[in-house]
């Protein structure tokens, strides 16, 4: 039996599915349909955390078919009369694929980075930071599945938005993990071109999630720099996102000097101490002002490494009133 489980790792999630389906059937009168649907997510998540996306898809389809056949009226058929159930089935499969994808990316990042600190933080981030957006996705999907709620179109849209927002939050966490691994392993290569900082800054600002505008000060004589436009925009986005996350006012100043461009991004609001602020760019820095906020402390570090690749730098500092991150880029790349 052990041999079979090793050779066919897809067997355990199928055994789990069969067991849970039988238990759900035995207690179907006590359990609500939404709870049975959540129970059928368990083997999907089990497969997603242990198997690849293909096997997870197989388990997901099997779990959806079991749920539909045994519990969705008309029972003991694969007919679906209510479109809401089709959407719920799609969510179950999508959740499995998202978690499987995240697990694969986390495994890649863990292989690329050998330091004990990164390994510990990766495990911690997967178990803690991903839990919040995943819980939001599962909560919204259960709301859509519950017949008793009788949701109107506006309420359904709110739940759809919650699912979309949760998926994007998980995407950002994984992107920072992967960017860190690629930067440290030397996998990223610069594609040098002429970059207009004003355009890149505008693009980065449009991608950040913020409820208030930043105050922009663009000094005269700002000339283009030579660098990788995609990476520079990513560095700007990370610095801006950090400022908006912890600030209640954000000020951005761009000025040019003899050797390059200095971009100063400052925020008031939740400010770390001066000593902490000077080390904020280091990997996995979780400062005293980040309590209750999502993240694993890699955004500023990714910006720092991108700047170093361009021969520039990122400095972080605080004067007790505002926190500032200063990105310096040379007129000519390395």
C-alpha atoms as a PDB file:
ATOM      1  CA  UNK A   1       0.000   0.000   0.000  1.00  0.00           C
ATOM      2  CA  UNK A   2       2.858   2.382   0.833  1.00  0.00           C
ATOM      3  CA  UNK A   3       4.397   1.590  -2.536  1.00  0.00           C
ATOM      4  CA  UNK A   4       1.191   2.519  -4.322  1.00  0.00           C
ATOM      5  CA  UNK A   5       0.892   5.825  -2.450  1.00  0.00           C
ATOM      6  CA  UNK A   6       4.455   6.721  -3.392  1.00  0.00           C
ATOM      7  CA  UNK A   7       3.993   5.783  -7.042  1.00  0.00           C
ATOM      8  CA  UNK A   8       0.533   7.341  -7.267  1.00  0.00           C
ATOM      9  CA  UNK A   9       0.437  10.410  -4.993  1.00  0.00           C
ATOM     10  CA  UNK A  10      -2.992  11.333  -6.372  1.00  0.00           C
ATOM     11  CA  UNK A  11      -4.529   8.404  -4.427  1.00  0.00           C
ATOM     12  CA  UNK A  12      -4.565  10.104  -0.957  1.00  0.00           C
ATOM     13  CA  UNK A  13      -6.672  13.121  -2.047  1.00  0.00           C
ATOM     14  CA  UNK A  14      -9.122  10.755  -3.787  1.00  0.00           C
ATOM     15  CA  UNK A  15      -9.389   8.647  -0.633  1.00  0.00           C
ATOM     16  CA  UNK A  16      -9.941  11.844   1.336  1.00  0.00           C
ATOM     17  CA  UNK A  17     -12.636  12.940  -1.127  1.00  0.00           C
ATOM     18  CA  UNK A  18     -14.459   9.607  -0.870  1.00  0.00           C
ATOM     19  CA  UNK A  19     -14.312   9.694   2.937  1.00  0.00           C
ATOM     20  CA  UNK A  20     -15.583  13.259   3.180  1.00  0.00           C
ATOM     21  CA  UNK A  21     -18.327  12.633   0.613  1.00  0.00           C
ATOM     22  CA  UNK A  22     -19.579   9.640   2.622  1.00  0.00           C
ATOM     23  CA  UNK A  23     -19.522  11.617   5.868  1.00  0.00           C
ATOM     24  CA  UNK A  24     -21.332  14.511   4.203  1.00  0.00           C
ATOM     25  CA  UNK A  25     -23.982  12.143   2.850  1.00  0.00           C
ATOM     26  CA  UNK A  26     -24.514  10.542   6.255  1.00  0.00           C
ATOM     27  CA  UNK A  27     -24.994  13.934   7.895  1.00  0.00           C
ATOM     28  CA  UNK A  28     -26.522  15.763   4.928  1.00  0.00           C
ATOM     29  CA  UNK A  29     -29.648  16.671   6.888  1.00  0.00           C
ATOM     30  CA  UNK A  30     -27.608  18.362   9.635  1.00  0.00           C
ATOM     31  CA  UNK A  31     -25.149  20.048   7.248  1.00  0.00           C
ATOM     32  CA  UNK A  32     -26.175  22.951   5.045  1.00  0.00           C
ATOM     33  CA  UNK A  33     -25.328  22.826   1.368  1.00  0.00           C
ATOM     34  CA  UNK A  34     -22.736  25.566   1.728  1.00  0.00           C
ATOM     35  CA  UNK A  35     -20.928  23.550   4.428  1.00  0.00           C
ATOM     36  CA  UNK A  36     -20.912  20.480   2.221  1.00  0.00           C
ATOM     37  CA  UNK A  37     -19.415  22.619  -0.531  1.00  0.00           C
ATOM     38  CA  UNK A  38     -16.667  23.788   1.824  1.00  0.00           C
ATOM     39  CA  UNK A  39     -16.004  20.180   2.837  1.00  0.00           C
ATOM     40  CA  UNK A  40     -15.483  19.323  -0.821  1.00  0.00           C
ATOM     41  CA  UNK A  41     -12.823  22.039  -1.000  1.00  0.00           C
ATOM     42  CA  UNK A  42     -10.656  20.149   1.513  1.00  0.00           C
ATOM     43  CA  UNK A  43      -9.343  17.449  -0.884  1.00  0.00           C
ATOM     44  CA  UNK A  44      -8.797  20.152  -3.517  1.00  0.00           C
ATOM     45  CA  UNK A  45      -6.619  22.198  -1.151  1.00  0.00           C
ATOM     46  CA  UNK A  46      -4.844  19.035   0.029  1.00  0.00           C
ATOM     47  CA  UNK A  47      -3.940  18.186  -3.568  1.00  0.00           C
ATOM     48  CA  UNK A  48      -2.964  21.785  -4.344  1.00  0.00           C
ATOM     49  CA  UNK A  49      -0.467  21.900  -1.488  1.00  0.00           C
ATOM     50  CA  UNK A  50       1.091  18.521  -2.319  1.00  0.00           C
ATOM     51  CA  UNK A  51       0.627  17.881  -6.038  1.00  0.00           C
ATOM     52  CA  UNK A  52       1.006  19.782  -9.285  1.00  0.00           C
ATOM     53  CA  UNK A  53      -1.618  21.811 -11.088  1.00  0.00           C
ATOM     54  CA  UNK A  54      -2.581  18.938 -13.422  1.00  0.00           C
ATOM     55  CA  UNK A  55      -3.284  16.493 -10.587  1.00  0.00           C
ATOM     56  CA  UNK A  56      -5.008  19.260  -8.637  1.00  0.00           C
ATOM     57  CA  UNK A  57      -7.270  19.892 -11.628  1.00  0.00           C
ATOM     58  CA  UNK A  58      -8.189  16.192 -11.736  1.00  0.00           C
ATOM     59  CA  UNK A  59      -9.015  16.168  -8.016  1.00  0.00           C
ATOM     60  CA  UNK A  60     -10.947  19.434  -8.372  1.00  0.00           C
ATOM     61  CA  UNK A  61     -13.107  18.088 -11.188  1.00  0.00           C
ATOM     62  CA  UNK A  62     -13.737  14.878  -9.215  1.00  0.00           C
ATOM     63  CA  UNK A  63     -14.716  16.883  -6.139  1.00  0.00           C
ATOM     64  CA  UNK A  64     -17.066  19.107  -8.166  1.00  0.00           C
ATOM     65  CA  UNK A  65     -18.673  16.073  -9.816  1.00  0.00           C
ATOM     66  CA  UNK A  66     -19.157  14.411  -6.420  1.00  0.00           C
ATOM     67  CA  UNK A  67     -20.707  17.551  -4.975  1.00  0.00           C
ATOM     68  CA  UNK A  68     -22.993  17.963  -7.972  1.00  0.00           C
ATOM     69  CA  UNK A  69     -24.022  14.315  -8.272  1.00  0.00           C
ATOM     70  CA  UNK A  70     -24.760  13.580  -4.629  1.00  0.00           C
ATOM     71  CA  UNK A  71     -25.876  16.915  -3.200  1.00  0.00           C
ATOM     72  CA  UNK A  72     -27.078  19.390  -5.854  1.00  0.00           C
ATOM     73  CA  UNK A  73     -30.715  18.974  -6.913  1.00  0.00           C
ATOM     74  CA  UNK A  74     -31.740  17.137  -8.971  1.00  0.00           C
ATOM     75  CA  UNK A  75     -29.560  14.641  -7.108  1.00  0.00           C
ATOM     76  CA  UNK A  76     -27.891  11.621  -8.714  1.00  0.00           C
ATOM     77  CA  UNK A  77     -27.572  13.452 -12.020  1.00  0.00           C
ATOM     78  CA  UNK A  78     -24.999  15.809 -13.447  1.00  0.00           C
ATOM     79  CA  UNK A  79     -27.671  18.289 -14.482  1.00  0.00           C
ATOM     80  CA  UNK A  80     -27.363  21.819 -13.092  1.00  0.00           C
ATOM     81  CA  UNK A  81     -30.532  23.899 -13.116  1.00  0.00           C
ATOM     82  CA  UNK A  82     -29.164  26.923 -11.223  1.00  0.00           C
ATOM     83  CA  UNK A  83     -26.388  28.978 -12.847  1.00  0.00           C
ATOM     84  CA  UNK A  84     -25.098  29.965  -9.397  1.00  0.00           C
ATOM     85  CA  UNK A  85     -23.880  26.425  -8.888  1.00  0.00           C
ATOM     86  CA  UNK A  86     -21.901  26.544 -12.128  1.00  0.00           C
ATOM     87  CA  UNK A  87     -20.137  29.652 -10.864  1.00  0.00           C
ATOM     88  CA  UNK A  88     -19.486  27.979  -7.497  1.00  0.00           C
ATOM     89  CA  UNK A  89     -17.991  24.948  -9.257  1.00  0.00           C
ATOM     90  CA  UNK A  90     -15.732  27.276 -11.249  1.00  0.00           C
ATOM     91  CA  UNK A  91     -14.581  28.953  -8.024  1.00  0.00           C
ATOM     92  CA  UNK A  92     -13.736  25.583  -6.441  1.00  0.00           C
ATOM     93  CA  UNK A  93     -11.585  24.663  -9.430  1.00  0.00           C
ATOM     94  CA  UNK A  94     -10.023  28.143  -9.581  1.00  0.00           C
ATOM     95  CA  UNK A  95      -9.116  28.083  -5.869  1.00  0.00           C
ATOM     96  CA  UNK A  96      -7.361  24.757  -6.388  1.00  0.00           C
ATOM     97  CA  UNK A  97      -5.376  26.098  -9.338  1.00  0.00           C
ATOM     98  CA  UNK A  98      -4.433  29.297  -7.509  1.00  0.00           C
ATOM     99  CA  UNK A  99      -3.193  27.445  -4.433  1.00  0.00           C
ATOM    100  CA  UNK A 100      -1.338  24.888  -6.580  1.00  0.00           C
ATOM    101  CA  UNK A 101       0.266  27.697  -8.585  1.00  0.00           C
ATOM    102  CA  UNK A 102       1.302  29.489  -5.410  1.00  0.00           C
ATOM    103  CA  UNK A 103       2.724  26.278  -3.970  1.00  0.00           C
ATOM    104  CA  UNK A 104       4.777  25.685  -7.112  1.00  0.00           C
ATOM    105  CA  UNK A 105       6.151  29.221  -7.079  1.00  0.00           C
ATOM    106  CA  UNK A 106       6.972  28.966  -3.400  1.00  0.00           C
ATOM    107  CA  UNK A 107       8.838  25.724  -4.048  1.00  0.00           C
ATOM    108  CA  UNK A 108      10.837  27.370  -6.845  1.00  0.00           C
ATOM    109  CA  UNK A 109      11.724  30.314  -4.635  1.00  0.00           C
ATOM    110  CA  UNK A 110      12.785  27.970  -1.848  1.00  0.00           C
ATOM    111  CA  UNK A 111      15.064  26.041  -4.184  1.00  0.00           C
ATOM    112  CA  UNK A 112      16.666  29.202  -5.544  1.00  0.00           C
ATOM    113  CA  UNK A 113      17.438  30.658  -2.137  1.00  0.00           C
ATOM    114  CA  UNK A 114      19.498  28.555   0.256  1.00  0.00           C
ATOM    115  CA  UNK A 115      19.721  30.816   3.256  1.00  0.00           C
ATOM    116  CA  UNK A 116      18.003  29.593   6.405  1.00  0.00           C
ATOM    117  CA  UNK A 117      16.357  32.966   6.889  1.00  0.00           C
ATOM    118  CA  UNK A 118      14.639  32.853   3.497  1.00  0.00           C
ATOM    119  CA  UNK A 119      13.443  29.297   3.990  1.00  0.00           C
ATOM    120  CA  UNK A 120      11.933  30.124   7.373  1.00  0.00           C
ATOM    121  CA  UNK A 121      10.271  33.264   6.033  1.00  0.00           C
ATOM    122  CA  UNK A 122       8.907  31.494   2.983  1.00  0.00           C
ATOM    123  CA  UNK A 123       7.209  28.897   5.159  1.00  0.00           C
ATOM    124  CA  UNK A 124       5.945  31.592   7.494  1.00  0.00           C
ATOM    125  CA  UNK A 125       4.561  33.684   4.637  1.00  0.00           C
ATOM    126  CA  UNK A 126       2.757  30.758   3.053  1.00  0.00           C
ATOM    127  CA  UNK A 127       1.151  29.724   6.323  1.00  0.00           C
ATOM    128  CA  UNK A 128       0.302  33.248   7.534  1.00  0.00           C
ATOM    129  CA  UNK A 129       0.308  35.908   4.826  1.00  0.00           C
ATOM    130  CA  UNK A 130      -1.531  33.809   2.234  1.00  0.00           C
ATOM    131  CA  UNK A 131      -4.140  32.755   4.765  1.00  0.00           C
ATOM    132  CA  UNK A 132      -5.914  36.134   4.795  1.00  0.00           C
ATOM    133  CA  UNK A 133      -6.576  36.497   1.030  1.00  0.00           C
ATOM    134  CA  UNK A 134      -7.389  32.794   0.740  1.00  0.00           C
ATOM    135  CA  UNK A 135      -9.900  33.076   3.595  1.00  0.00           C
ATOM    136  CA  UNK A 136     -11.478  36.060   1.817  1.00  0.00           C
ATOM    137  CA  UNK A 137     -11.780  34.068  -1.423  1.00  0.00           C
ATOM    138  CA  UNK A 138     -13.306  31.084   0.349  1.00  0.00           C
ATOM    139  CA  UNK A 139     -15.663  33.298   2.373  1.00  0.00           C
ATOM    140  CA  UNK A 140     -16.897  35.089  -0.735  1.00  0.00           C
ATOM    141  CA  UNK A 141     -17.371  31.832  -2.626  1.00  0.00           C
ATOM    142  CA  UNK A 142     -19.367  30.347   0.260  1.00  0.00           C
ATOM    143  CA  UNK A 143     -21.568  33.433   0.250  1.00  0.00           C
ATOM    144  CA  UNK A 144     -22.288  32.936  -3.443  1.00  0.00           C
ATOM    145  CA  UNK A 145     -23.083  29.287  -2.793  1.00  0.00           C
ATOM    146  CA  UNK A 146     -25.544  29.900   0.056  1.00  0.00           C
ATOM    147  CA  UNK A 147     -29.103  29.771  -1.247  1.00  0.00           C
ATOM    148  CA  UNK A 148     -30.610  31.315   1.883  1.00  0.00           C
ATOM    149  CA  UNK A 149     -28.864  34.659   1.326  1.00  0.00           C
ATOM    150  CA  UNK A 150     -30.807  35.461  -1.876  1.00  0.00           C
ATOM    151  CA  UNK A 151     -28.174  37.991  -2.983  1.00  0.00           C
ATOM    152  CA  UNK A 152     -28.975  40.820  -5.358  1.00  0.00           C
ATOM    153  CA  UNK A 153     -26.691  41.784  -8.253  1.00  0.00           C
ATOM    154  CA  UNK A 154     -24.861  44.477  -6.265  1.00  0.00           C
ATOM    155  CA  UNK A 155     -24.107  42.101  -3.390  1.00  0.00           C
ATOM    156  CA  UNK A 156     -22.875  39.467  -5.831  1.00  0.00           C
ATOM    157  CA  UNK A 157     -20.585  42.020  -7.457  1.00  0.00           C
ATOM    158  CA  UNK A 158     -19.083  42.821  -4.047  1.00  0.00           C
ATOM    159  CA  UNK A 159     -18.312  39.133  -3.524  1.00  0.00           C
ATOM    160  CA  UNK A 160     -16.815  38.872  -7.022  1.00  0.00           C
ATOM    161  CA  UNK A 161     -14.629  41.901  -6.221  1.00  0.00           C
ATOM    162  CA  UNK A 162     -13.535  40.268  -2.955  1.00  0.00           C
ATOM    163  CA  UNK A 163     -12.419  37.151  -4.824  1.00  0.00           C
ATOM    164  CA  UNK A 164     -10.566  39.235  -7.416  1.00  0.00           C
ATOM    165  CA  UNK A 165      -8.881  41.382  -4.746  1.00  0.00           C
ATOM    166  CA  UNK A 166      -7.794  38.330  -2.753  1.00  0.00           C
ATOM    167  CA  UNK A 167      -6.253  36.716  -5.817  1.00  0.00           C
ATOM    168  CA  UNK A 168      -4.330  39.908  -6.615  1.00  0.00           C
ATOM    169  CA  UNK A 169      -3.022  40.083  -3.025  1.00  0.00           C
ATOM    170  CA  UNK A 170      -1.680  36.546  -3.310  1.00  0.00           C
ATOM    171  CA  UNK A 171      -0.181  37.431  -6.683  1.00  0.00           C
ATOM    172  CA  UNK A 172       1.725  40.386  -5.187  1.00  0.00           C
ATOM    173  CA  UNK A 173       3.128  38.279  -2.352  1.00  0.00           C
ATOM    174  CA  UNK A 174       4.364  35.607  -4.734  1.00  0.00           C
ATOM    175  CA  UNK A 175       5.756  38.182  -7.178  1.00  0.00           C
ATOM    176  CA  UNK A 176       7.937  39.684  -4.449  1.00  0.00           C
ATOM    177  CA  UNK A 177       9.170  36.232  -3.444  1.00  0.00           C
ATOM    178  CA  UNK A 178      10.027  35.330  -7.027  1.00  0.00           C
ATOM    179  CA  UNK A 179      11.617  38.707  -7.794  1.00  0.00           C
ATOM    180  CA  UNK A 180      13.857  38.314  -4.752  1.00  0.00           C
ATOM    181  CA  UNK A 181      14.938  34.816  -5.781  1.00  0.00           C
ATOM    182  CA  UNK A 182      15.631  35.888  -9.370  1.00  0.00           C
ATOM    183  CA  UNK A 183      17.603  38.963  -8.333  1.00  0.00           C
ATOM    184  CA  UNK A 184      19.777  37.013  -5.897  1.00  0.00           C
ATOM    185  CA  UNK A 185      20.376  34.165  -8.340  1.00  0.00           C
ATOM    186  CA  UNK A 186      21.328  36.491 -11.198  1.00  0.00           C
ATOM    187  CA  UNK A 187      18.533  35.172 -13.443  1.00  0.00           C
ATOM    188  CA  UNK A 188      17.299  38.670 -14.314  1.00  0.00           C
ATOM    189  CA  UNK A 189      19.191  40.374 -17.126  1.00  0.00           C
ATOM    190  CA  UNK A 190      18.920  44.072 -17.864  1.00  0.00           C
ATOM    191  CA  UNK A 191      17.364  45.205 -21.150  1.00  0.00           C
ATOM    192  CA  UNK A 192      18.950  48.619 -21.437  1.00  0.00           C
ATOM    193  CA  UNK A 193      17.018  51.396 -23.150  1.00  0.00           C
ATOM    194  CA  UNK A 194      16.350  55.094 -22.699  1.00  0.00           C
ATOM    195  CA  UNK A 195      13.844  55.552 -19.874  1.00  0.00           C
ATOM    196  CA  UNK A 196      11.694  58.588 -19.169  1.00  0.00           C
ATOM    197  CA  UNK A 197      11.334  58.640 -15.381  1.00  0.00           C
ATOM    198  CA  UNK A 198       8.198  60.775 -15.549  1.00  0.00           C
ATOM    199  CA  UNK A 199       6.425  58.163 -17.688  1.00  0.00           C
ATOM    200  CA  UNK A 200       7.588  55.269 -15.518  1.00  0.00           C
ATOM    201  CA  UNK A 201       6.552  57.106 -12.358  1.00  0.00           C
ATOM    202  CA  UNK A 202       3.114  57.820 -13.801  1.00  0.00           C
ATOM    203  CA  UNK A 203       2.667  54.201 -14.796  1.00  0.00           C
ATOM    204  CA  UNK A 204       3.762  52.956 -11.361  1.00  0.00           C
ATOM    205  CA  UNK A 205       1.369  55.381  -9.651  1.00  0.00           C
ATOM    206  CA  UNK A 206      -1.547  54.155 -11.760  1.00  0.00           C
ATOM    207  CA  UNK A 207      -0.934  50.586 -10.608  1.00  0.00           C
ATOM    208  CA  UNK A 208      -0.786  51.271  -6.874  1.00  0.00           C
ATOM    209  CA  UNK A 209      -3.877  50.860  -4.712  1.00  0.00           C
ATOM    210  CA  UNK A 210      -4.433  54.152  -2.907  1.00  0.00           C
ATOM    211  CA  UNK A 211      -7.344  56.227  -1.705  1.00  0.00           C
ATOM    212  CA  UNK A 212      -5.585  59.599  -1.807  1.00  0.00           C
ATOM    213  CA  UNK A 213      -3.331  61.254  -4.411  1.00  0.00           C
ATOM    214  CA  UNK A 214       0.398  61.797  -4.059  1.00  0.00           C
ATOM    215  CA  UNK A 215       1.895  65.287  -4.209  1.00  0.00           C
ATOM    216  CA  UNK A 216       4.346  65.329  -7.131  1.00  0.00           C
ATOM    217  CA  UNK A 217       7.214  67.783  -7.493  1.00  0.00           C
ATOM    218  CA  UNK A 218       9.158  67.477 -10.742  1.00  0.00           C
ATOM    219  CA  UNK A 219      12.204  69.720 -10.858  1.00  0.00           C
ATOM    220  CA  UNK A 220      13.433  71.186 -14.149  1.00  0.00           C
ATOM    221  CA  UNK A 221      16.110  69.513 -16.212  1.00  0.00           C
ATOM    222  CA  UNK A 222      15.089  65.903 -15.604  1.00  0.00           C
ATOM    223  CA  UNK A 223      16.796  63.942 -18.361  1.00  0.00           C
ATOM    224  CA  UNK A 224      16.235  60.305 -19.337  1.00  0.00           C
ATOM    225  CA  UNK A 225      18.319  57.521 -17.809  1.00  0.00           C
ATOM    226  CA  UNK A 226      19.641  54.341 -19.381  1.00  0.00           C
ATOM    227  CA  UNK A 227      18.182  51.222 -17.805  1.00  0.00           C
ATOM    228  CA  UNK A 228      15.596  48.454 -17.852  1.00  0.00           C
ATOM    229  CA  UNK A 229      12.220  50.205 -17.971  1.00  0.00           C
ATOM    230  CA  UNK A 230      10.270  47.236 -16.596  1.00  0.00           C
ATOM    231  CA  UNK A 231      12.547  46.786 -13.584  1.00  0.00           C
ATOM    232  CA  UNK A 232      12.784  50.509 -12.820  1.00  0.00           C
ATOM    233  CA  UNK A 233       8.985  50.763 -12.903  1.00  0.00           C
ATOM    234  CA  UNK A 234       8.798  47.763 -10.541  1.00  0.00           C
ATOM    235  CA  UNK A 235      11.185  49.487  -8.118  1.00  0.00           C
ATOM    236  CA  UNK A 236       9.100  52.678  -8.222  1.00  0.00           C
ATOM    237  CA  UNK A 237       5.893  50.689  -7.720  1.00  0.00           C
ATOM    238  CA  UNK A 238       7.306  48.918  -4.639  1.00  0.00           C
ATOM    239  CA  UNK A 239       8.455  52.186  -3.068  1.00  0.00           C
ATOM    240  CA  UNK A 240       5.128  53.912  -3.782  1.00  0.00           C
ATOM    241  CA  UNK A 241       3.066  50.957  -2.560  1.00  0.00           C
ATOM    242  CA  UNK A 242       4.985  50.975   0.725  1.00  0.00           C
ATOM    243  CA  UNK A 243       4.394  54.704   1.138  1.00  0.00           C
ATOM    244  CA  UNK A 244       0.657  54.468   0.448  1.00  0.00           C
ATOM    245  CA  UNK A 245       0.279  51.430   2.702  1.00  0.00           C
ATOM    246  CA  UNK A 246       1.668  53.130   5.811  1.00  0.00           C
ATOM    247  CA  UNK A 247       1.133  56.810   5.031  1.00  0.00           C
ATOM    248  CA  UNK A 248      -1.689  59.287   5.242  1.00  0.00           C
ATOM    249  CA  UNK A 249       0.093  61.705   2.881  1.00  0.00           C
ATOM    250  CA  UNK A 250       2.664  60.898   0.197  1.00  0.00           C
ATOM    251  CA  UNK A 251       5.091  63.350  -1.388  1.00  0.00           C
ATOM    252  CA  UNK A 252       7.220  62.467  -4.414  1.00  0.00           C
ATOM    253  CA  UNK A 253      10.075  64.679  -5.542  1.00  0.00           C
ATOM    254  CA  UNK A 254      12.131  64.046  -8.691  1.00  0.00           C
ATOM    255  CA  UNK A 255      15.274  66.019  -9.384  1.00  0.00           C
ATOM    256  CA  UNK A 256      18.358  65.666 -11.537  1.00  0.00           C
ATOM    257  CA  UNK A 257      22.027  66.249 -10.721  1.00  0.00           C
ATOM    258  CA  UNK A 258      25.348  65.796 -12.492  1.00  0.00           C
ATOM    259  CA  UNK A 259      25.458  62.004 -12.183  1.00  0.00           C
ATOM    260  CA  UNK A 260      21.820  60.957 -12.369  1.00  0.00           C
ATOM    261  CA  UNK A 261      18.312  61.298 -10.984  1.00  0.00           C
ATOM    262  CA  UNK A 262      17.135  61.279  -7.385  1.00  0.00           C
ATOM    263  CA  UNK A 263      13.556  60.201  -6.646  1.00  0.00           C
ATOM    264  CA  UNK A 264      12.460  60.920  -3.084  1.00  0.00           C
ATOM    265  CA  UNK A 265       9.241  59.216  -1.918  1.00  0.00           C
ATOM    266  CA  UNK A 266       8.118  60.257   1.570  1.00  0.00           C
ATOM    267  CA  UNK A 267       5.052  59.586   3.673  1.00  0.00           C
ATOM    268  CA  UNK A 268       3.665  60.785   6.964  1.00  0.00           C
ATOM    269  CA  UNK A 269       1.469  58.568   9.111  1.00  0.00           C
ATOM    270  CA  UNK A 270       2.778  55.309  10.574  1.00  0.00           C
ATOM    271  CA  UNK A 271       6.502  56.067  10.950  1.00  0.00           C
ATOM    272  CA  UNK A 272       9.210  53.697  12.234  1.00  0.00           C
ATOM    273  CA  UNK A 273      12.004  54.932  14.476  1.00  0.00           C
ATOM    274  CA  UNK A 274      15.095  56.525  12.893  1.00  0.00           C
ATOM    275  CA  UNK A 275      17.242  53.480  13.641  1.00  0.00           C
ATOM    276  CA  UNK A 276      14.675  51.059  12.195  1.00  0.00           C
ATOM    277  CA  UNK A 277      14.036  53.207   9.139  1.00  0.00           C
ATOM    278  CA  UNK A 278      17.681  53.178   8.079  1.00  0.00           C
ATOM    279  CA  UNK A 279      17.517  49.376   7.776  1.00  0.00           C
ATOM    280  CA  UNK A 280      14.054  49.140   6.167  1.00  0.00           C
ATOM    281  CA  UNK A 281      15.452  48.169   2.750  1.00  0.00           C
ATOM    282  CA  UNK A 282      16.990  44.948   4.083  1.00  0.00           C
ATOM    283  CA  UNK A 283      15.212  41.661   3.203  1.00  0.00           C
ATOM    284  CA  UNK A 284      12.425  40.515   5.532  1.00  0.00           C
ATOM    285  CA  UNK A 285      12.453  43.776   7.480  1.00  0.00           C
ATOM    286  CA  UNK A 286       9.194  43.905   9.446  1.00  0.00           C
ATOM    287  CA  UNK A 287       9.339  47.143  11.393  1.00  0.00           C
ATOM    288  CA  UNK A 288       7.398  48.236  14.458  1.00  0.00           C
ATOM    289  CA  UNK A 289       4.977  50.284  12.341  1.00  0.00           C
ATOM    290  CA  UNK A 290       3.743  47.327  10.253  1.00  0.00           C
ATOM    291  CA  UNK A 291       1.581  45.620  12.873  1.00  0.00           C
ATOM    292  CA  UNK A 292      -1.643  44.324  11.345  1.00  0.00           C
ATOM    293  CA  UNK A 293      -0.460  44.941   7.776  1.00  0.00           C
ATOM    294  CA  UNK A 294       0.102  42.238   5.194  1.00  0.00           C
ATOM    295  CA  UNK A 295       3.523  41.639   3.668  1.00  0.00           C
ATOM    296  CA  UNK A 296       6.759  39.785   4.248  1.00  0.00           C
ATOM    297  CA  UNK A 297       9.281  42.618   4.072  1.00  0.00           C
ATOM    298  CA  UNK A 298      10.601  42.187   0.530  1.00  0.00           C
ATOM    299  CA  UNK A 299       9.154  45.126  -1.430  1.00  0.00           C
ATOM    300  CA  UNK A 300      11.829  47.664  -0.491  1.00  0.00           C
ATOM    301  CA  UNK A 301      14.564  45.042  -0.811  1.00  0.00           C
ATOM    302  CA  UNK A 302      13.523  44.245  -4.394  1.00  0.00           C
ATOM    303  CA  UNK A 303      13.694  47.976  -5.200  1.00  0.00           C
ATOM    304  CA  UNK A 304      17.141  48.140  -3.570  1.00  0.00           C
ATOM    305  CA  UNK A 305      18.474  45.231  -5.653  1.00  0.00           C
ATOM    306  CA  UNK A 306      17.066  46.677  -8.887  1.00  0.00           C
ATOM    307  CA  UNK A 307      18.760  50.005  -8.141  1.00  0.00           C
ATOM    308  CA  UNK A 308      22.073  48.224  -7.452  1.00  0.00           C
ATOM    309  CA  UNK A 309      21.807  46.413 -10.804  1.00  0.00           C
ATOM    310  CA  UNK A 310      21.652  49.855 -12.438  1.00  0.00           C
ATOM    311  CA  UNK A 311      24.600  51.199 -10.481  1.00  0.00           C
ATOM    312  CA  UNK A 312      22.280  53.227  -8.263  1.00  0.00           C
ATOM    313  CA  UNK A 313      21.030  52.894  -4.708  1.00  0.00           C
ATOM    314  CA  UNK A 314      18.041  52.944  -2.372  1.00  0.00           C
ATOM    315  CA  UNK A 315      18.280  54.629   1.014  1.00  0.00           C
ATOM    316  CA  UNK A 316      15.599  54.674   3.695  1.00  0.00           C
ATOM    317  CA  UNK A 317      15.373  57.120   6.585  1.00  0.00           C
ATOM    318  CA  UNK A 318      13.027  58.771   9.071  1.00  0.00           C
ATOM    319  CA  UNK A 319      13.134  62.097  10.888  1.00  0.00           C
ATOM    320  CA  UNK A 320      10.292  61.180  13.230  1.00  0.00           C
ATOM    321  CA  UNK A 321       7.776  63.103  11.108  1.00  0.00           C
ATOM    322  CA  UNK A 322       8.001  61.269   7.799  1.00  0.00           C
ATOM    323  CA  UNK A 323       9.554  58.134   6.348  1.00  0.00           C
ATOM    324  CA  UNK A 324      11.494  58.535   3.103  1.00  0.00           C
ATOM    325  CA  UNK A 325      12.864  56.132   0.514  1.00  0.00           C
ATOM    326  CA  UNK A 326      15.357  57.683  -1.900  1.00  0.00           C
ATOM    327  CA  UNK A 327      16.000  55.983  -5.237  1.00  0.00           C
ATOM    328  CA  UNK A 328      19.105  57.140  -7.127  1.00  0.00           C
ATOM    329  CA  UNK A 329      19.674  56.181 -10.769  1.00  0.00           C
ATOM    330  CA  UNK A 330      22.627  57.069 -12.965  1.00  0.00           C
ATOM    331  CA  UNK A 331      22.289  58.754 -16.325  1.00  0.00           C
ATOM    332  CA  UNK A 332      24.167  55.809 -17.787  1.00  0.00           C
ATOM    333  CA  UNK A 333      23.707  52.185 -16.713  1.00  0.00           C
ATOM    334  CA  UNK A 334      26.515  49.977 -15.512  1.00  0.00           C
END
